[in-house]
Amino acid sequence: MDISAIHDEDVEILLNDVFELYGYDFTEYSKASIKRRINRLFTLDKFPSFAELRYKVINDPNYLKRFIEEITVNVTEMFRDPSFYRVLREEVLPALGTYPFIRIWHAGCSTGEEVYSMAILLKEANLYHKSLLYATDINPSVVEKARNGIFPMGMMKQYSENYIASGGKKDFSSYYSANYDLAKFDESLKQKMIFATHNLVSDSSFNEFQLIICRNVLIYFDRNLQTTVFDLFNESLENLGFLALGSKESIRFSPIAKNFKQIQREKIWRKTV
């Protein structure tokens, strides 16, 4: 199958359909990235024509679910980039510990590995009891996976190594129970988590946070859409709150940059205005 079977005008038509019918707005996502993913889906599911793909997306709610899953990027892991978590552990959490209550938003949480990582950090800092973790994603399927807190057992060795590299001192296996090829994380880690669907493009701010984590989501957005999301984060962060992004993301050239100061070498900024 020709990998460019879906053309730019087809992508525009399909994304407009999805927005008008279902309210999912992907029209300002990186064009190259989203075209590549739609073409991949077109090839995987062996559609004979663009018209048939479009018909399926418009008329089959189950297929729409698959379409959303395929074009949103859900690649994550626990304690991903351990040096980032070490800075959270050593620099950010002590500052957050001075607050009577801590609200943290994981925006674009995917399947939830980073939310559980944060819960473990908060437990070990003795801050979990006064924290609330909001985990949101545009994709309802991955939000449900995050809520379940069940991950492949085969990943635990890597996650344990990440945890130790981030400064973790405990036996990582004490946080989950093994069941054949799956690891189920302890229910106590979920007590302060709230899971919900949220569209960074079209939904508004819903609380005031001391920390917002949105890692490796904005690299798939174009500059205008990044600006929109940064405005949302700026509005949602209280003064002196922290914003954490992925290793290839930055607020440096955005209009909100003047309101923030970067800490250390990691992509973490503190709001100063």
Protein backbone atom coordinates (compact mmCIF):
# COMPACT_ATOMS: atom_id res chain seq x y z
CA MET A 1 0.00 0.00 0.00
CA ASP A 2 1.26 3.46 -0.86
CA ILE A 3 2.17 5.10 2.46
CA SER A 4 0.92 8.43 1.16
CA ALA A 5 -2.49 7.06 0.15
CA ILE A 6 -4.09 9.69 2.39
CA HIS A 7 -3.30 13.17 1.13
CA ASP A 8 -3.26 16.55 2.88
CA GLU A 9 -6.76 17.47 1.72
CA ASP A 10 -8.08 14.09 2.92
CA VAL A 11 -6.57 14.67 6.35
CA GLU A 12 -8.23 18.08 6.55
CA ILE A 13 -11.63 16.66 5.58
CA LEU A 14 -11.38 13.82 8.09
CA LEU A 15 -10.25 16.01 10.98
CA ASN A 16 -13.07 18.46 10.28
CA ASP A 17 -15.55 15.57 10.30
CA VAL A 18 -14.26 14.35 13.66
CA PHE A 19 -14.41 17.85 15.13
CA GLU A 20 -17.89 18.70 13.85
CA LEU A 21 -19.45 15.33 14.76
CA TYR A 22 -17.67 14.45 17.99
CA GLY A 23 -15.91 17.59 19.27
CA TYR A 24 -12.37 16.17 19.06
CA ASP A 25 -10.25 18.96 17.60
CA PHE A 26 -7.05 17.73 15.96
CA THR A 27 -7.01 20.41 13.27
CA GLU A 28 -4.00 22.23 14.74
CA TYR A 29 -1.91 19.18 15.55
CA SER A 30 1.37 18.84 13.69
CA LYS A 31 0.28 18.09 10.13
CA ALA A 32 3.17 15.77 9.32
CA SER A 33 2.70 13.70 12.49
CA ILE A 34 -1.06 13.29 12.17
CA LYS A 35 -0.90 12.52 8.45
CA ARG A 36 1.68 9.82 9.16
CA ARG A 37 -0.54 8.26 11.82
CA ILE A 38 -3.69 8.32 9.66
CA ASN A 39 -1.76 6.70 6.82
CA ARG A 40 -0.51 4.04 9.22
CA LEU A 41 -4.08 3.30 10.31
CA PHE A 42 -5.24 3.26 6.68
CA THR A 43 -2.58 0.65 5.91
CA LEU A 44 -3.05 -1.44 9.05
CA ASP A 45 -6.80 -1.78 8.54
CA LYS A 46 -6.50 -2.34 4.79
CA PHE A 47 -8.98 0.26 3.59
CA PRO A 48 -9.45 0.22 -0.21
CA SER A 49 -10.02 3.99 -0.32
CA PHE A 50 -10.11 7.16 1.73
CA ALA A 51 -13.90 7.28 1.32
CA GLU A 52 -14.24 3.95 3.13
CA LEU A 53 -12.01 5.08 5.99
CA ARG A 54 -14.03 8.29 6.29
CA TYR A 55 -17.34 6.37 6.27
CA LYS A 56 -16.10 4.04 9.01
CA VAL A 57 -14.93 6.90 11.25
CA ILE A 58 -18.18 8.82 10.80
CA ASN A 59 -20.59 5.91 11.27
CA ASP A 60 -18.96 3.41 13.61
CA PRO A 61 -18.50 4.64 17.23
CA ASN A 62 -16.24 1.69 18.03
CA TYR A 63 -14.00 2.52 15.10
CA LEU A 64 -13.90 6.17 16.13
CA LYS A 65 -12.48 4.95 19.44
CA ARG A 66 -9.74 3.08 17.56
CA PHE A 67 -9.09 6.14 15.37
CA ILE A 68 -8.58 8.35 18.45
CA GLU A 69 -6.26 5.76 20.02
CA GLU A 70 -4.12 5.55 16.89
CA ILE A 71 -3.66 9.25 16.21
CA THR A 72 -2.99 10.24 19.81
CA VAL A 73 0.44 9.20 21.01
CA ASN A 74 0.43 6.94 24.06
CA VAL A 75 4.07 6.16 24.77
CA THR A 76 5.15 6.52 28.39
CA GLU A 77 6.84 4.70 31.25
CA MET A 78 7.23 4.97 35.02
CA PHE A 79 9.91 7.38 36.21
CA ARG A 80 10.70 8.21 32.60
CA ASP A 81 13.87 10.33 32.47
CA PRO A 82 14.96 9.58 36.07
CA SER A 83 16.89 12.86 36.37
CA PHE A 84 13.59 14.69 35.90
CA TYR A 85 12.05 12.79 38.80
CA ARG A 86 15.12 13.38 40.92
CA VAL A 87 14.61 17.14 40.52
CA LEU A 88 10.94 16.74 41.39
CA ARG A 89 11.95 14.76 44.47
CA GLU A 90 14.72 17.11 45.62
CA GLU A 91 13.63 20.56 44.44
CA VAL A 92 9.90 20.69 43.70
CA LEU A 93 8.29 18.53 46.38
CA PRO A 94 10.01 20.30 49.30
CA ALA A 95 8.54 23.57 47.99
CA LEU A 96 5.10 22.00 47.52
CA GLY A 97 5.31 20.57 51.04
CA THR A 98 4.94 24.10 52.44
CA TYR A 99 1.36 24.26 51.12
CA PRO A 100 -1.55 23.08 53.26
CA PHE A 101 -2.93 21.20 50.23
CA ILE A 102 -1.30 20.19 46.93
CA ARG A 103 -3.13 19.91 43.60
CA ILE A 104 -1.25 18.32 40.71
CA TRP A 105 -2.50 18.02 37.13
CA HIS A 106 -1.11 15.36 34.79
CA ALA A 107 -2.32 16.75 31.44
CA GLY A 108 -2.20 14.17 28.67
CA CYS A 109 -1.64 11.39 31.22
CA SER A 110 -1.82 8.57 28.64
CA THR A 111 -2.00 5.16 30.36
CA GLY A 112 -1.03 6.63 33.71
CA GLU A 113 2.51 5.46 34.43
CA GLU A 114 3.68 8.97 35.30
CA VAL A 115 0.72 9.56 37.62
CA TYR A 116 1.61 6.47 39.64
CA SER A 117 5.25 7.59 39.64
CA MET A 118 4.17 10.88 41.17
CA ALA A 119 2.02 9.11 43.76
CA ILE A 120 5.08 7.10 44.83
CA LEU A 121 7.18 10.27 45.11
CA LEU A 122 4.49 11.91 47.24
CA LYS A 123 4.19 8.82 49.47
CA GLU A 124 7.94 8.78 50.07
CA ALA A 125 7.96 12.52 50.82
CA ASN A 126 5.06 12.02 53.26
CA LEU A 127 2.92 14.44 51.22
CA TYR A 128 0.41 12.07 49.65
CA HIS A 129 -2.18 12.52 52.40
CA LYS A 130 -2.56 16.21 51.54
CA SER A 131 -2.39 15.88 47.76
CA LEU A 132 -4.87 15.46 44.93
CA LEU A 133 -3.72 14.18 41.52
CA TYR A 134 -5.85 14.98 38.47
CA ALA A 135 -5.05 12.71 35.52
CA THR A 136 -6.61 13.71 32.21
CA ASP A 137 -6.34 12.70 28.57
CA ILE A 138 -8.36 13.24 25.40
CA ASN A 139 -8.53 9.47 24.87
CA PRO A 140 -11.17 7.73 27.07
CA SER A 141 -9.57 4.30 26.55
CA VAL A 142 -6.19 5.27 27.96
CA VAL A 143 -7.84 7.11 30.86
CA GLU A 144 -9.58 3.84 31.75
CA LYS A 145 -6.25 1.97 31.59
CA ALA A 146 -4.71 4.60 33.85
CA ARG A 147 -7.57 4.22 36.31
CA ASN A 148 -7.00 0.46 36.49
CA GLY A 149 -3.31 0.81 37.37
CA ILE A 150 -2.34 -2.48 35.70
CA PHE A 151 0.84 -2.60 33.63
CA PRO A 152 2.88 -5.34 31.91
CA MET A 153 5.00 -7.33 34.33
CA GLY A 154 7.77 -7.35 31.72
CA MET A 155 8.24 -3.59 32.22
CA MET A 156 8.84 -3.77 35.98
CA LYS A 157 12.59 -4.32 35.72
CA GLN A 158 13.00 -1.14 33.66
CA TYR A 159 10.62 0.78 35.93
CA SER A 160 12.53 -0.39 39.01
CA GLU A 161 15.82 0.78 37.48
CA ASN A 162 14.25 4.16 36.63
CA TYR A 163 12.89 4.44 40.17
CA ILE A 164 16.29 3.75 41.77
CA ALA A 165 17.99 6.22 39.38
CA SER A 166 15.44 8.86 40.42
CA GLY A 167 16.55 8.53 44.05
CA GLY A 168 14.14 5.84 45.19
CA LYS A 169 15.33 3.86 48.19
CA LYS A 170 12.62 1.24 48.70
CA ASP A 171 12.02 -2.10 47.06
CA PHE A 172 10.02 -1.07 44.00
CA SER A 173 8.11 -4.36 44.02
CA SER A 174 6.49 -3.33 47.32
CA TYR A 175 4.27 -0.96 45.32
CA TYR A 176 2.58 -3.62 43.19
CA SER A 177 1.36 -7.20 43.25
CA ALA A 178 2.29 -9.58 40.45
CA ASN A 179 -0.41 -11.62 38.72
CA TYR A 180 1.08 -13.77 35.96
CA ASP A 181 2.24 -11.31 33.27
CA LEU A 182 0.60 -8.26 34.85
CA ALA A 183 1.52 -5.94 37.71
CA LYS A 184 -1.32 -4.28 39.62
CA PHE A 185 -0.31 -1.21 41.59
CA ASP A 186 -1.46 -0.83 45.16
CA GLU A 187 -4.92 0.64 45.67
CA SER A 188 -3.51 3.06 48.24
CA LEU A 189 -1.74 4.87 45.41
CA LYS A 190 -5.11 5.62 43.78
CA GLN A 191 -6.87 7.07 46.80
CA LYS A 192 -6.02 10.65 45.84
CA MET A 193 -6.30 10.30 42.05
CA ILE A 194 -9.10 11.71 39.89
CA PHE A 195 -9.28 10.46 36.29
CA ALA A 196 -11.20 12.26 33.55
CA THR A 197 -11.20 13.01 29.84
CA HIS A 198 -10.07 16.53 29.00
CA ASN A 199 -9.26 18.11 25.65
CA LEU A 200 -6.34 20.52 25.95
CA VAL A 201 -7.41 22.17 22.70
CA SER A 202 -11.01 23.00 23.48
CA ASP A 203 -11.67 22.50 27.21
CA SER A 204 -11.11 25.23 29.76
CA SER A 205 -9.25 25.42 33.04
CA PHE A 206 -11.00 23.47 35.81
CA ASN A 207 -8.95 24.19 38.94
CA GLU A 208 -5.92 26.01 40.31
CA PHE A 209 -2.80 23.85 40.61
CA GLN A 210 0.58 23.97 42.31
CA LEU A 211 2.12 21.63 39.72
CA ILE A 212 1.17 20.83 36.12
CA ILE A 213 2.96 18.00 34.32
CA CYS A 214 2.50 17.67 30.56
CA ARG A 215 5.39 15.74 29.05
CA ASN A 216 5.84 14.83 25.39
CA VAL A 217 2.38 16.01 24.33
CA LEU A 218 3.12 19.45 22.93
CA ILE A 219 5.75 18.19 20.48
CA TYR A 220 2.81 16.97 18.38
CA PHE A 221 1.10 20.40 18.33
CA ASP A 222 1.85 23.27 16.01
CA ARG A 223 3.04 26.60 17.38
CA ASN A 224 -0.42 28.22 17.55
CA LEU A 225 -1.87 25.28 19.43
CA GLN A 226 1.10 25.22 21.81
CA THR A 227 0.42 28.88 22.59
CA THR A 228 -3.22 28.06 23.35
CA VAL A 229 -2.23 25.25 25.71
CA PHE A 230 0.45 27.35 27.43
CA ASP A 231 -2.18 30.02 28.08
CA LEU A 232 -4.40 27.33 29.62
CA PHE A 233 -1.55 26.15 31.86
CA ASN A 234 -0.66 29.71 32.87
CA GLU A 235 -4.29 30.32 33.81
CA SER A 236 -4.43 27.03 35.74
CA LEU A 237 -1.25 27.51 37.78
CA GLU A 238 -1.26 29.53 40.94
CA ASN A 239 1.58 31.96 41.57
CA LEU A 240 4.83 30.13 42.44
CA GLY A 241 3.39 26.93 40.96
CA PHE A 242 5.50 24.65 38.76
CA LEU A 243 5.11 23.64 35.10
CA ALA A 244 6.93 20.51 33.91
CA LEU A 245 7.31 19.61 30.22
CA GLY A 246 9.04 16.92 28.17
CA SER A 247 12.73 16.95 27.29
CA LYS A 248 12.13 18.37 23.79
CA GLU A 249 9.55 20.96 24.88
CA SER A 250 9.99 24.52 26.09
CA ILE A 251 8.05 27.67 26.92
CA ARG A 252 11.10 29.76 25.97
CA PHE A 253 9.57 31.41 22.88
CA SER A 254 5.98 31.53 24.11
CA PRO A 255 4.16 34.65 25.36
CA ILE A 256 3.96 33.21 28.89
CA ALA A 257 7.76 32.78 29.19
CA LYS A 258 8.10 36.14 30.94
CA ASN A 259 5.98 34.80 33.81
CA PHE A 260 8.26 31.84 34.54
CA LYS A 261 11.79 31.02 35.66
CA GLN A 262 13.41 27.69 34.75
CA ILE A 263 14.87 25.62 37.58
CA GLN A 264 17.98 23.47 37.20
CA ARG A 265 18.62 21.82 33.83
CA GLU A 266 15.31 19.98 33.60
CA LYS A 267 12.28 21.28 31.70
CA ILE A 268 10.62 22.58 34.86
CA TRP A 269 9.60 26.22 35.31
CA ARG A 270 8.26 28.11 38.32
CA LYS A 271 5.63 30.78 37.88
CA THR A 272 6.86 34.11 39.23
CA VAL A 273 4.04 36.48 38.23
